[in-house]
Amino acid sequence: MYTKPEFAPLSLDEVFGLIEAAAFATVVTTGPQGLVASHLPFVLDRERGANGTLVSHLARQNPHSALIAEGEETMAIFHGPHGYISPSWYPRNPVRDSAPTWNFAVAHCHGRPVQLDDHATARHLQRLVDVLEKDRDDRWRMRELGPGGMQRRIPHILGFDLPIERLEAKFKMGQDERLYDTNAAIGRLEESDPALATMMKMHNAHRKD
């Protein structure tokens, strides 16, 4: 992924936080006939491996599952806050000669998937439900599938680990723009997109007028 030094993440924890907040990725694998993509939910295990391990699942009917089962090289792409930055937000004094741009945060996780057995797949699905249902009013629980509900579904699901062998992250948050322009954009975004505004503040806090 093309990037610049100023777009580096503040820490590995920040990248992990992006992945966990997104919880959903575009998964790309190279197959015999070219690239294959699926869109899948993930749980991140921060403690397994130097860069963590992702855990997910997909339908066995999905042709992508054969490539996953074979351990072909795969990339999972997670998106964080992003949005269009208009020069109309910038001060006219002294000049307003910057081009429009798009600020964004993204993480690319590269690795070779490892197929899970049925028991590990069931544990993954339980953990995924626990993560996504946490703190919800009247949360849903796996047992509501009814007797044998999980057992009927498991044969149709391929669970897999994706140990992150290489992790790329880019936080393009206006660090290469004039600071007063970036601050003006932050001001405009604080109400319409507070998540992006907050991230822009964090990545420009070290800069001086």
N, C-alpha and C. Protein backbone atom coordinates (compact mmCIF):
# COMPACT_ATOMS: atom_id res chain seq x y z
N MET A 1 0.85 -1.19 0.00
CA MET A 1 0.00 0.00 0.00
C MET A 1 0.88 1.24 0.00
N TYR A 2 0.60 2.17 -0.90
CA TYR A 2 1.34 3.43 -0.94
C TYR A 2 0.98 4.27 0.28
N THR A 3 1.99 4.82 0.92
CA THR A 3 1.74 5.71 2.04
C THR A 3 2.92 6.66 2.19
N LYS A 4 2.86 7.52 3.19
CA LYS A 4 3.93 8.45 3.53
C LYS A 4 4.24 8.30 5.01
N PRO A 5 5.46 8.64 5.44
CA PRO A 5 5.80 8.51 6.86
C PRO A 5 4.84 9.25 7.78
N GLU A 6 4.36 10.41 7.35
CA GLU A 6 3.47 11.19 8.22
C GLU A 6 2.10 10.54 8.41
N PHE A 7 1.78 9.54 7.59
CA PHE A 7 0.49 8.85 7.72
C PHE A 7 0.59 7.58 8.56
N ALA A 8 1.70 7.39 9.24
CA ALA A 8 1.90 6.19 10.06
C ALA A 8 0.95 6.18 11.26
N PRO A 9 0.54 5.00 11.71
CA PRO A 9 -0.29 4.93 12.93
C PRO A 9 0.49 5.40 14.14
N LEU A 10 -0.23 5.87 15.15
CA LEU A 10 0.41 6.31 16.38
C LEU A 10 0.95 5.13 17.18
N SER A 11 0.33 3.96 17.03
CA SER A 11 0.75 2.77 17.77
C SER A 11 0.07 1.55 17.17
N LEU A 12 0.57 0.36 17.54
CA LEU A 12 -0.10 -0.87 17.13
C LEU A 12 -1.49 -0.95 17.75
N ASP A 13 -1.63 -0.45 18.96
CA ASP A 13 -2.95 -0.45 19.60
C ASP A 13 -3.97 0.34 18.79
N GLU A 14 -3.52 1.43 18.17
CA GLU A 14 -4.45 2.21 17.35
C GLU A 14 -4.94 1.39 16.16
N VAL A 15 -4.04 0.63 15.55
CA VAL A 15 -4.43 -0.21 14.41
C VAL A 15 -5.39 -1.31 14.88
N PHE A 16 -5.07 -1.94 16.00
CA PHE A 16 -5.96 -2.96 16.55
C PHE A 16 -7.34 -2.37 16.85
N GLY A 17 -7.35 -1.15 17.37
CA GLY A 17 -8.63 -0.50 17.66
C GLY A 17 -9.45 -0.26 16.41
N LEU A 18 -8.79 0.13 15.32
CA LEU A 18 -9.49 0.30 14.04
C LEU A 18 -10.12 -1.01 13.59
N ILE A 19 -9.33 -2.10 13.66
CA ILE A 19 -9.83 -3.41 13.24
C ILE A 19 -11.03 -3.83 14.08
N GLU A 20 -10.93 -3.66 15.39
CA GLU A 20 -12.02 -4.08 16.28
C GLU A 20 -13.25 -3.21 16.10
N ALA A 21 -13.07 -1.92 15.86
CA ALA A 21 -14.22 -1.05 15.65
C ALA A 21 -14.93 -1.36 14.34
N ALA A 22 -14.15 -1.67 13.30
CA ALA A 22 -14.74 -2.00 12.00
C ALA A 22 -15.44 -3.35 12.07
N ALA A 23 -14.73 -4.37 12.55
CA ALA A 23 -15.25 -5.73 12.73
C ALA A 23 -15.72 -6.38 11.43
N PHE A 24 -15.44 -5.76 10.28
CA PHE A 24 -15.92 -6.23 8.98
C PHE A 24 -14.89 -5.83 7.95
N ALA A 25 -14.54 -6.77 7.07
CA ALA A 25 -13.44 -6.51 6.14
C ALA A 25 -13.76 -7.05 4.76
N THR A 26 -13.10 -6.46 3.77
CA THR A 26 -13.05 -7.02 2.42
C THR A 26 -11.87 -7.98 2.39
N VAL A 27 -12.14 -9.23 2.05
CA VAL A 27 -11.13 -10.29 2.07
C VAL A 27 -10.81 -10.67 0.63
N VAL A 28 -9.52 -10.57 0.28
CA VAL A 28 -9.09 -10.79 -1.11
C VAL A 28 -8.06 -11.91 -1.13
N THR A 29 -8.28 -12.89 -2.00
CA THR A 29 -7.36 -14.02 -2.18
C THR A 29 -7.12 -14.21 -3.66
N THR A 30 -5.89 -14.56 -4.02
CA THR A 30 -5.58 -14.84 -5.42
C THR A 30 -5.86 -16.31 -5.71
N GLY A 31 -6.71 -16.55 -6.71
CA GLY A 31 -7.03 -17.90 -7.13
C GLY A 31 -6.51 -18.18 -8.52
N PRO A 32 -6.73 -19.38 -9.04
CA PRO A 32 -6.23 -19.75 -10.37
C PRO A 32 -6.76 -18.86 -11.48
N GLN A 33 -7.95 -18.30 -11.28
CA GLN A 33 -8.55 -17.47 -12.31
C GLN A 33 -8.53 -15.99 -11.96
N GLY A 34 -7.72 -15.63 -10.96
CA GLY A 34 -7.60 -14.23 -10.60
C GLY A 34 -8.02 -13.96 -9.17
N LEU A 35 -8.30 -12.71 -8.88
CA LEU A 35 -8.65 -12.30 -7.53
C LEU A 35 -10.08 -12.70 -7.18
N VAL A 36 -10.25 -13.14 -5.94
CA VAL A 36 -11.57 -13.47 -5.41
C VAL A 36 -11.77 -12.64 -4.14
N ALA A 37 -12.95 -12.03 -3.98
CA ALA A 37 -13.20 -11.17 -2.82
C ALA A 37 -14.50 -11.58 -2.13
N SER A 38 -14.48 -11.50 -0.81
CA SER A 38 -15.68 -11.69 0.01
C SER A 38 -15.67 -10.62 1.09
N HIS A 39 -16.81 -10.45 1.73
CA HIS A 39 -16.96 -9.42 2.76
C HIS A 39 -17.43 -10.12 4.03
N LEU A 40 -16.55 -10.11 5.06
CA LEU A 40 -16.73 -11.00 6.20
C LEU A 40 -16.54 -10.28 7.53
N PRO A 41 -17.25 -10.73 8.58
CA PRO A 41 -17.00 -10.22 9.94
C PRO A 41 -15.80 -10.92 10.56
N PHE A 42 -15.11 -10.21 11.44
CA PHE A 42 -13.91 -10.76 12.07
C PHE A 42 -13.90 -10.45 13.57
N VAL A 43 -13.26 -11.34 14.30
CA VAL A 43 -12.85 -11.07 15.68
C VAL A 43 -11.33 -11.08 15.69
N LEU A 44 -10.73 -10.12 16.38
CA LEU A 44 -9.27 -10.04 16.49
C LEU A 44 -8.82 -10.61 17.82
N ASP A 45 -7.87 -11.54 17.76
CA ASP A 45 -7.18 -12.03 18.95
C ASP A 45 -5.83 -11.32 19.01
N ARG A 46 -5.72 -10.33 19.88
CA ARG A 46 -4.49 -9.51 19.95
C ARG A 46 -3.29 -10.30 20.47
N GLU A 47 -3.54 -11.36 21.21
CA GLU A 47 -2.47 -12.05 21.93
C GLU A 47 -1.79 -13.14 21.11
N ARG A 48 -2.38 -13.57 20.03
CA ARG A 48 -1.79 -14.67 19.24
C ARG A 48 -0.99 -14.11 18.08
N GLY A 49 0.32 -14.32 18.10
CA GLY A 49 1.18 -13.86 17.02
C GLY A 49 1.67 -12.45 17.25
N ALA A 50 2.75 -12.10 16.55
CA ALA A 50 3.37 -10.78 16.71
C ALA A 50 2.43 -9.65 16.32
N ASN A 51 1.57 -9.90 15.33
CA ASN A 51 0.64 -8.88 14.85
C ASN A 51 -0.82 -9.24 15.10
N GLY A 52 -1.05 -10.22 15.98
CA GLY A 52 -2.41 -10.66 16.24
C GLY A 52 -2.88 -11.69 15.22
N THR A 53 -4.04 -12.26 15.50
CA THR A 53 -4.66 -13.25 14.61
C THR A 53 -6.12 -12.90 14.43
N LEU A 54 -6.57 -12.88 13.19
CA LEU A 54 -7.97 -12.65 12.87
C LEU A 54 -8.70 -13.99 12.78
N VAL A 55 -9.96 -13.99 13.18
CA VAL A 55 -10.78 -15.20 13.10
C VAL A 55 -12.09 -14.84 12.42
N SER A 56 -12.50 -15.67 11.44
CA SER A 56 -13.72 -15.38 10.69
C SER A 56 -14.33 -16.68 10.18
N HIS A 57 -15.34 -16.55 9.35
CA HIS A 57 -16.01 -17.70 8.76
C HIS A 57 -16.72 -17.26 7.49
N LEU A 58 -17.03 -18.22 6.64
CA LEU A 58 -17.83 -17.96 5.44
C LEU A 58 -18.57 -19.23 5.06
N ALA A 59 -19.53 -19.07 4.17
CA ALA A 59 -20.31 -20.22 3.73
C ALA A 59 -19.45 -21.16 2.88
N ARG A 60 -19.58 -22.45 3.12
CA ARG A 60 -18.84 -23.40 2.30
C ARG A 60 -19.30 -23.36 0.85
N GLN A 61 -20.52 -22.90 0.58
CA GLN A 61 -21.00 -22.77 -0.79
C GLN A 61 -20.27 -21.66 -1.54
N ASN A 62 -19.66 -20.74 -0.82
CA ASN A 62 -18.91 -19.65 -1.43
C ASN A 62 -17.64 -20.23 -2.06
N PRO A 63 -17.42 -20.05 -3.37
CA PRO A 63 -16.20 -20.59 -4.00
C PRO A 63 -14.91 -20.11 -3.33
N HIS A 64 -14.97 -18.96 -2.69
CA HIS A 64 -13.81 -18.43 -1.98
C HIS A 64 -13.35 -19.39 -0.88
N SER A 65 -14.28 -20.18 -0.33
CA SER A 65 -13.94 -21.05 0.79
C SER A 65 -12.89 -22.09 0.41
N ALA A 66 -12.86 -22.52 -0.86
CA ALA A 66 -11.85 -23.49 -1.28
C ALA A 66 -10.45 -22.91 -1.19
N LEU A 67 -10.30 -21.64 -1.56
CA LEU A 67 -9.00 -20.98 -1.48
C LEU A 67 -8.58 -20.77 -0.03
N ILE A 68 -9.55 -20.44 0.81
CA ILE A 68 -9.27 -20.28 2.24
C ILE A 68 -8.81 -21.61 2.83
N ALA A 69 -9.52 -22.69 2.49
CA ALA A 69 -9.17 -24.01 3.02
C ALA A 69 -7.79 -24.45 2.57
N GLU A 70 -7.38 -24.01 1.39
CA GLU A 70 -6.06 -24.38 0.86
C GLU A 70 -4.94 -23.50 1.40
N GLY A 71 -5.29 -22.47 2.17
CA GLY A 71 -4.27 -21.62 2.77
C GLY A 71 -3.60 -20.66 1.81
N GLU A 72 -4.34 -20.25 0.77
CA GLU A 72 -3.75 -19.32 -0.20
C GLU A 72 -3.56 -17.94 0.43
N GLU A 73 -2.54 -17.24 -0.04
CA GLU A 73 -2.23 -15.91 0.50
C GLU A 73 -3.46 -15.00 0.41
N THR A 74 -3.75 -14.33 1.50
CA THR A 74 -5.00 -13.58 1.64
C THR A 74 -4.73 -12.23 2.29
N MET A 75 -5.54 -11.25 1.93
CA MET A 75 -5.47 -9.93 2.57
C MET A 75 -6.87 -9.54 3.04
N ALA A 76 -6.96 -9.06 4.27
CA ALA A 76 -8.21 -8.52 4.82
C ALA A 76 -8.04 -7.01 4.98
N ILE A 77 -8.97 -6.25 4.42
CA ILE A 77 -8.89 -4.79 4.41
C ILE A 77 -9.99 -4.22 5.32
N PHE A 78 -9.57 -3.50 6.35
CA PHE A 78 -10.49 -2.88 7.31
C PHE A 78 -10.46 -1.36 7.13
N HIS A 79 -11.64 -0.75 7.11
CA HIS A 79 -11.74 0.70 6.96
C HIS A 79 -12.16 1.35 8.27
N GLY A 80 -11.48 2.45 8.59
CA GLY A 80 -11.86 3.27 9.72
C GLY A 80 -12.61 4.50 9.25
N PRO A 81 -12.65 5.56 10.07
CA PRO A 81 -13.33 6.79 9.66
C PRO A 81 -12.74 7.34 8.37
N HIS A 82 -13.61 7.89 7.52
CA HIS A 82 -13.14 8.47 6.26
C HIS A 82 -14.17 9.49 5.78
N GLY A 83 -13.72 10.40 4.93
CA GLY A 83 -14.66 11.37 4.39
C GLY A 83 -13.99 12.38 3.47
N TYR A 84 -14.82 13.00 2.66
CA TYR A 84 -14.38 14.02 1.71
C TYR A 84 -14.02 15.30 2.46
N ILE A 85 -12.92 15.92 2.04
CA ILE A 85 -12.46 17.18 2.63
C ILE A 85 -12.54 18.25 1.55
N SER A 86 -13.43 19.21 1.75
CA SER A 86 -13.66 20.26 0.74
C SER A 86 -12.82 21.50 1.03
N PRO A 87 -12.14 22.04 0.01
CA PRO A 87 -11.41 23.30 0.20
C PRO A 87 -12.33 24.47 0.54
N SER A 88 -13.63 24.29 0.32
CA SER A 88 -14.57 25.37 0.68
C SER A 88 -14.59 25.61 2.19
N TRP A 89 -14.06 24.66 2.95
CA TRP A 89 -14.00 24.82 4.41
C TRP A 89 -12.80 25.63 4.85
N TYR A 90 -11.84 25.85 3.97
CA TYR A 90 -10.58 26.48 4.35
C TYR A 90 -10.70 28.00 4.36
N PRO A 91 -9.88 28.67 5.18
CA PRO A 91 -9.89 30.14 5.19
C PRO A 91 -9.45 30.71 3.84
N ARG A 92 -10.05 31.82 3.44
CA ARG A 92 -9.64 32.49 2.20
C ARG A 92 -8.38 33.32 2.39
N ASN A 93 -8.05 33.60 3.63
CA ASN A 93 -6.90 34.45 3.91
C ASN A 93 -5.79 33.60 4.54
N PRO A 94 -4.58 33.52 3.96
CA PRO A 94 -4.13 34.32 2.82
C PRO A 94 -4.59 33.76 1.46
N VAL A 95 -4.67 32.44 1.32
CA VAL A 95 -5.09 31.87 0.04
C VAL A 95 -5.92 30.62 0.33
N ARG A 96 -6.65 30.19 -0.70
CA ARG A 96 -7.43 28.95 -0.59
C ARG A 96 -7.12 28.11 -1.83
N ASP A 97 -5.86 27.73 -1.95
CA ASP A 97 -5.40 27.10 -3.18
C ASP A 97 -5.12 25.60 -3.03
N SER A 98 -5.65 24.99 -1.98
CA SER A 98 -5.48 23.55 -1.81
C SER A 98 -6.54 22.80 -2.61
N ALA A 99 -6.20 21.60 -3.04
CA ALA A 99 -7.13 20.77 -3.80
C ALA A 99 -8.03 19.97 -2.86
N PRO A 100 -9.19 19.54 -3.34
CA PRO A 100 -10.01 18.62 -2.54
C PRO A 100 -9.24 17.33 -2.27
N THR A 101 -9.61 16.65 -1.20
CA THR A 101 -8.96 15.38 -0.89
C THR A 101 -9.92 14.50 -0.11
N TRP A 102 -9.46 13.31 0.23
CA TRP A 102 -10.25 12.37 1.03
C TRP A 102 -9.37 11.89 2.17
N ASN A 103 -9.81 12.10 3.38
CA ASN A 103 -9.08 11.60 4.54
C ASN A 103 -9.65 10.24 4.94
N PHE A 104 -8.76 9.34 5.37
CA PHE A 104 -9.22 7.98 5.68
C PHE A 104 -8.19 7.27 6.56
N ALA A 105 -8.69 6.22 7.21
CA ALA A 105 -7.83 5.29 7.95
C ALA A 105 -8.14 3.88 7.46
N VAL A 106 -7.09 3.10 7.25
CA VAL A 106 -7.27 1.76 6.70
C VAL A 106 -6.17 0.84 7.21
N ALA A 107 -6.50 -0.44 7.36
CA ALA A 107 -5.51 -1.45 7.75
C ALA A 107 -5.59 -2.61 6.77
N HIS A 108 -4.42 -3.04 6.27
CA HIS A 108 -4.31 -4.21 5.39
C HIS A 108 -3.63 -5.32 6.17
N CYS A 109 -4.31 -6.44 6.34
CA CYS A 109 -3.78 -7.58 7.10
C CYS A 109 -3.49 -8.73 6.15
N HIS A 110 -2.22 -9.11 6.04
CA HIS A 110 -1.80 -10.15 5.10
C HIS A 110 -1.47 -11.43 5.86
N GLY A 111 -1.84 -12.57 5.28
CA GLY A 111 -1.49 -13.84 5.89
C GLY A 111 -2.04 -15.00 5.10
N ARG A 112 -1.80 -16.19 5.63
CA ARG A 112 -2.32 -17.42 5.01
C ARG A 112 -3.33 -18.04 5.97
N PRO A 113 -4.56 -18.21 5.53
CA PRO A 113 -5.60 -18.72 6.43
C PRO A 113 -5.37 -20.17 6.83
N VAL A 114 -5.86 -20.51 8.01
CA VAL A 114 -5.78 -21.86 8.55
C VAL A 114 -7.20 -22.31 8.89
N GLN A 115 -7.65 -23.37 8.26
CA GLN A 115 -9.02 -23.85 8.47
C GLN A 115 -9.22 -24.34 9.90
N LEU A 116 -10.38 -24.02 10.48
CA LEU A 116 -10.75 -24.49 11.82
C LEU A 116 -11.60 -25.75 11.73
N ASP A 117 -11.50 -26.59 12.75
CA ASP A 117 -12.41 -27.73 12.80
C ASP A 117 -13.78 -27.25 13.30
N ASP A 118 -14.75 -28.16 13.32
CA ASP A 118 -16.11 -27.76 13.65
C ASP A 118 -16.22 -27.20 15.07
N HIS A 119 -15.48 -27.79 16.01
CA HIS A 119 -15.56 -27.31 17.40
C HIS A 119 -14.99 -25.89 17.51
N ALA A 120 -13.85 -25.65 16.87
CA ALA A 120 -13.25 -24.31 16.91
C ALA A 120 -14.13 -23.31 16.18
N THR A 121 -14.78 -23.74 15.10
CA THR A 121 -15.70 -22.85 14.38
C THR A 121 -16.87 -22.46 15.28
N ALA A 122 -17.42 -23.42 16.00
CA ALA A 122 -18.52 -23.12 16.92
C ALA A 122 -18.08 -22.15 18.01
N ARG A 123 -16.87 -22.33 18.53
CA ARG A 123 -16.36 -21.40 19.55
C ARG A 123 -16.20 -20.01 18.97
N HIS A 124 -15.69 -19.92 17.74
CA HIS A 124 -15.55 -18.62 17.08
C HIS A 124 -16.90 -17.94 16.94
N LEU A 125 -17.91 -18.68 16.48
CA LEU A 125 -19.23 -18.09 16.28
C LEU A 125 -19.81 -17.60 17.60
N GLN A 126 -19.59 -18.36 18.67
CA GLN A 126 -20.06 -17.92 19.97
C GLN A 126 -19.36 -16.63 20.40
N ARG A 127 -18.05 -16.57 20.18
CA ARG A 127 -17.32 -15.35 20.56
C ARG A 127 -17.77 -14.17 19.72
N LEU A 128 -17.98 -14.40 18.42
CA LEU A 128 -18.42 -13.31 17.55
C LEU A 128 -19.76 -12.76 18.02
N VAL A 129 -20.69 -13.64 18.35
CA VAL A 129 -21.99 -13.20 18.86
C VAL A 129 -21.81 -12.43 20.17
N ASP A 130 -20.96 -12.94 21.05
CA ASP A 130 -20.75 -12.26 22.34
C ASP A 130 -20.19 -10.85 22.13
N VAL A 131 -19.26 -10.70 21.20
CA VAL A 131 -18.66 -9.39 20.93
C VAL A 131 -19.70 -8.43 20.35
N LEU A 132 -20.45 -8.90 19.37
CA LEU A 132 -21.37 -8.01 18.66
C LEU A 132 -22.66 -7.73 19.44
N GLU A 133 -23.04 -8.64 20.33
CA GLU A 133 -24.25 -8.45 21.12
C GLU A 133 -23.98 -7.79 22.48
N LYS A 134 -22.70 -7.62 22.80
CA LYS A 134 -22.34 -7.06 24.11
C LYS A 134 -23.00 -5.70 24.33
N ASP A 135 -23.55 -5.53 25.52
CA ASP A 135 -24.14 -4.25 25.96
C ASP A 135 -25.42 -3.89 25.22
N ARG A 136 -25.96 -4.79 24.41
CA ARG A 136 -27.25 -4.50 23.77
C ARG A 136 -28.39 -4.79 24.75
N ASP A 137 -29.43 -3.98 24.68
CA ASP A 137 -30.63 -4.27 25.45
C ASP A 137 -31.25 -5.55 24.90
N ASP A 138 -31.67 -6.44 25.79
CA ASP A 138 -32.31 -7.69 25.38
C ASP A 138 -31.46 -8.42 24.35
N ARG A 139 -30.17 -8.57 24.62
CA ARG A 139 -29.23 -9.17 23.67
C ARG A 139 -29.67 -10.57 23.26
N TRP A 140 -29.30 -10.93 22.03
CA TRP A 140 -29.60 -12.26 21.51
C TRP A 140 -28.52 -13.23 21.97
N ARG A 141 -28.92 -14.48 22.21
CA ARG A 141 -27.98 -15.51 22.64
C ARG A 141 -28.07 -16.72 21.72
N MET A 142 -26.93 -17.39 21.56
CA MET A 142 -26.84 -18.49 20.61
C MET A 142 -27.87 -19.58 20.89
N ARG A 143 -28.20 -19.80 22.15
CA ARG A 143 -29.16 -20.87 22.48
C ARG A 143 -30.53 -20.63 21.88
N GLU A 144 -30.81 -19.40 21.47
CA GLU A 144 -32.10 -19.10 20.87
C GLU A 144 -32.27 -19.73 19.48
N LEU A 145 -31.19 -20.29 18.94
CA LEU A 145 -31.32 -21.06 17.70
C LEU A 145 -32.16 -22.32 17.91
N GLY A 146 -32.30 -22.72 19.17
CA GLY A 146 -33.10 -23.90 19.48
C GLY A 146 -32.27 -25.17 19.49
N PRO A 147 -32.87 -26.27 19.94
CA PRO A 147 -32.15 -27.54 20.02
C PRO A 147 -31.58 -27.95 18.66
N GLY A 148 -30.29 -28.19 18.63
CA GLY A 148 -29.65 -28.62 17.38
C GLY A 148 -29.47 -27.52 16.36
N GLY A 149 -29.81 -26.29 16.71
CA GLY A 149 -29.73 -25.20 15.73
C GLY A 149 -28.32 -24.94 15.24
N MET A 150 -27.36 -24.94 16.15
CA MET A 150 -25.97 -24.74 15.75
C MET A 150 -25.45 -25.96 14.99
N GLN A 151 -25.75 -27.14 15.49
CA GLN A 151 -25.25 -28.36 14.85
C GLN A 151 -25.72 -28.48 13.40
N ARG A 152 -26.92 -28.01 13.12
CA ARG A 152 -27.41 -28.07 11.74
C ARG A 152 -26.67 -27.11 10.82
N ARG A 153 -26.19 -26.02 11.38
CA ARG A 153 -25.56 -24.99 10.56
C ARG A 153 -24.07 -25.21 10.35
N ILE A 154 -23.40 -25.76 11.35
CA ILE A 154 -21.94 -25.88 11.32
C ILE A 154 -21.42 -26.57 10.06
N PRO A 155 -22.04 -27.64 9.56
CA PRO A 155 -21.49 -28.30 8.37
C PRO A 155 -21.45 -27.40 7.13
N HIS A 156 -22.21 -26.31 7.16
CA HIS A 156 -22.28 -25.42 6.01
C HIS A 156 -21.37 -24.20 6.16
N ILE A 157 -20.58 -24.17 7.23
CA ILE A 157 -19.75 -23.00 7.55
C ILE A 157 -18.29 -23.41 7.63
N LEU A 158 -17.42 -22.63 7.01
CA LEU A 158 -15.97 -22.83 7.13
C LEU A 158 -15.40 -21.74 8.02
N GLY A 159 -14.92 -22.11 9.19
CA GLY A 159 -14.24 -21.17 10.06
C GLY A 159 -12.75 -21.18 9.78
N PHE A 160 -12.10 -20.04 10.00
CA PHE A 160 -10.66 -19.99 9.75
C PHE A 160 -9.98 -18.92 10.59
N ASP A 161 -8.71 -19.20 10.91
CA ASP A 161 -7.81 -18.20 11.48
C ASP A 161 -7.06 -17.54 10.34
N LEU A 162 -6.73 -16.26 10.52
CA LEU A 162 -5.83 -15.57 9.61
C LEU A 162 -4.72 -14.94 10.45
N PRO A 163 -3.64 -15.68 10.74
CA PRO A 163 -2.51 -15.07 11.45
C PRO A 163 -1.96 -13.91 10.62
N ILE A 164 -1.82 -12.75 11.24
CA ILE A 164 -1.38 -11.57 10.50
C ILE A 164 0.14 -11.60 10.38
N GLU A 165 0.61 -11.98 9.20
CA GLU A 165 2.05 -12.07 8.95
C GLU A 165 2.64 -10.70 8.62
N ARG A 166 1.83 -9.87 7.98
CA ARG A 166 2.28 -8.51 7.63
C ARG A 166 1.10 -7.57 7.81
N LEU A 167 1.35 -6.46 8.49
CA LEU A 167 0.29 -5.51 8.81
C LEU A 167 0.68 -4.13 8.29
N GLU A 168 -0.15 -3.59 7.41
CA GLU A 168 0.05 -2.24 6.89
C GLU A 168 -1.10 -1.36 7.35
N ALA A 169 -0.79 -0.14 7.73
CA ALA A 169 -1.85 0.78 8.15
C ALA A 169 -1.53 2.19 7.66
N LYS A 170 -2.57 2.90 7.33
CA LYS A 170 -2.42 4.27 6.83
C LYS A 170 -3.50 5.14 7.46
N PHE A 171 -3.08 6.23 8.09
CA PHE A 171 -3.99 7.18 8.70
C PHE A 171 -3.76 8.53 8.03
N LYS A 172 -4.42 8.75 6.91
CA LYS A 172 -4.28 10.01 6.16
C LYS A 172 -5.29 10.99 6.74
N MET A 173 -4.79 11.89 7.59
CA MET A 173 -5.65 12.75 8.38
C MET A 173 -5.28 14.22 8.25
N GLY A 174 -4.83 14.62 7.07
CA GLY A 174 -4.52 16.03 6.84
C GLY A 174 -3.16 16.45 7.33
N GLN A 175 -2.28 15.47 7.65
CA GLN A 175 -0.96 15.82 8.18
C GLN A 175 -0.09 16.53 7.15
N ASP A 176 -0.40 16.37 5.87
CA ASP A 176 0.40 16.99 4.81
C ASP A 176 -0.24 18.27 4.28
N GLU A 177 -1.31 18.72 4.92
CA GLU A 177 -1.95 19.98 4.54
C GLU A 177 -1.51 21.08 5.51
N ARG A 178 -1.71 22.35 5.11
CA ARG A 178 -1.42 23.45 6.04
C ARG A 178 -2.25 23.27 7.31
N LEU A 179 -1.62 23.51 8.45
CA LEU A 179 -2.28 23.21 9.71
C LEU A 179 -3.57 24.02 9.88
N TYR A 180 -3.57 25.28 9.45
CA TYR A 180 -4.79 26.06 9.64
C TYR A 180 -5.92 25.55 8.75
N ASP A 181 -5.57 24.98 7.60
CA ASP A 181 -6.59 24.36 6.76
C ASP A 181 -7.13 23.09 7.41
N THR A 182 -6.22 22.27 7.92
CA THR A 182 -6.65 21.03 8.59
C THR A 182 -7.53 21.35 9.80
N ASN A 183 -7.15 22.36 10.57
CA ASN A 183 -7.95 22.73 11.74
C ASN A 183 -9.33 23.23 11.32
N ALA A 184 -9.39 23.94 10.21
CA ALA A 184 -10.69 24.40 9.71
C ALA A 184 -11.57 23.22 9.31
N ALA A 185 -10.96 22.22 8.67
CA ALA A 185 -11.71 21.02 8.29
C ALA A 185 -12.21 20.27 9.53
N ILE A 186 -11.36 20.19 10.54
CA ILE A 186 -11.77 19.54 11.79
C ILE A 186 -13.00 20.24 12.37
N GLY A 187 -12.96 21.57 12.37
CA GLY A 187 -14.09 22.33 12.89
C GLY A 187 -15.39 22.04 12.15
N ARG A 188 -15.31 21.88 10.84
CA ARG A 188 -16.51 21.58 10.06
C ARG A 188 -17.01 20.16 10.29
N LEU A 189 -16.10 19.25 10.62
CA LEU A 189 -16.48 17.85 10.77
C LEU A 189 -16.93 17.48 12.19
N GLU A 190 -16.70 18.36 13.15
CA GLU A 190 -16.98 17.99 14.54
C GLU A 190 -18.44 17.62 14.77
N GLU A 191 -19.35 18.23 14.02
CA GLU A 191 -20.76 17.88 14.16
C GLU A 191 -21.18 16.81 13.17
N SER A 192 -20.72 16.91 11.92
CA SER A 192 -21.19 15.99 10.89
C SER A 192 -20.50 14.63 10.93
N ASP A 193 -19.24 14.58 11.36
CA ASP A 193 -18.49 13.32 11.41
C ASP A 193 -17.50 13.38 12.57
N PRO A 194 -18.00 13.27 13.81
CA PRO A 194 -17.11 13.43 14.97
C PRO A 194 -16.00 12.40 15.04
N ALA A 195 -16.24 11.19 14.54
CA ALA A 195 -15.19 10.16 14.59
C ALA A 195 -14.00 10.56 13.74
N LEU A 196 -14.27 11.07 12.53
CA LEU A 196 -13.18 11.52 11.67
C LEU A 196 -12.51 12.75 12.25
N ALA A 197 -13.29 13.68 12.78
CA ALA A 197 -12.71 14.89 13.38
C ALA A 197 -11.78 14.54 14.54
N THR A 198 -12.20 13.61 15.39
CA THR A 198 -11.38 13.21 16.53
C THR A 198 -10.07 12.58 16.08
N MET A 199 -10.14 11.73 15.06
CA MET A 199 -8.93 11.08 14.57
C MET A 199 -7.99 12.10 13.93
N MET A 200 -8.54 13.07 13.22
CA MET A 200 -7.71 14.12 12.63
C MET A 200 -7.01 14.93 13.72
N LYS A 201 -7.72 15.24 14.79
CA LYS A 201 -7.10 15.96 15.91
C LYS A 201 -5.92 15.17 16.48
N MET A 202 -6.12 13.88 16.70
CA MET A 202 -5.07 13.04 17.29
C MET A 202 -3.82 13.03 16.42
N HIS A 203 -4.02 12.96 15.11
CA HIS A 203 -2.87 12.80 14.22
C HIS A 203 -2.23 14.14 13.83
N ASN A 204 -2.79 15.23 14.30
CA ASN A 204 -2.18 16.54 14.04
C ASN A 204 -1.83 17.28 15.33
N ALA A 205 -2.01 16.62 16.48
CA ALA A 205 -1.79 17.27 17.77
C ALA A 205 -0.35 17.71 17.96
N HIS A 206 0.59 17.03 17.31
CA HIS A 206 2.01 17.33 17.49
C HIS A 206 2.47 18.53 16.65
N ARG A 207 1.63 18.99 15.73
CA ARG A 207 2.05 20.04 14.80
C ARG A 207 1.93 21.41 15.45
N LYS A 208 2.79 22.33 15.01
CA LYS A 208 2.79 23.70 15.53
C LYS A 208 2.34 24.66 14.45
N ASP A 209 1.68 25.74 14.88
CA ASP A 209 1.25 26.78 13.93
C ASP A 209 2.46 27.41 13.26
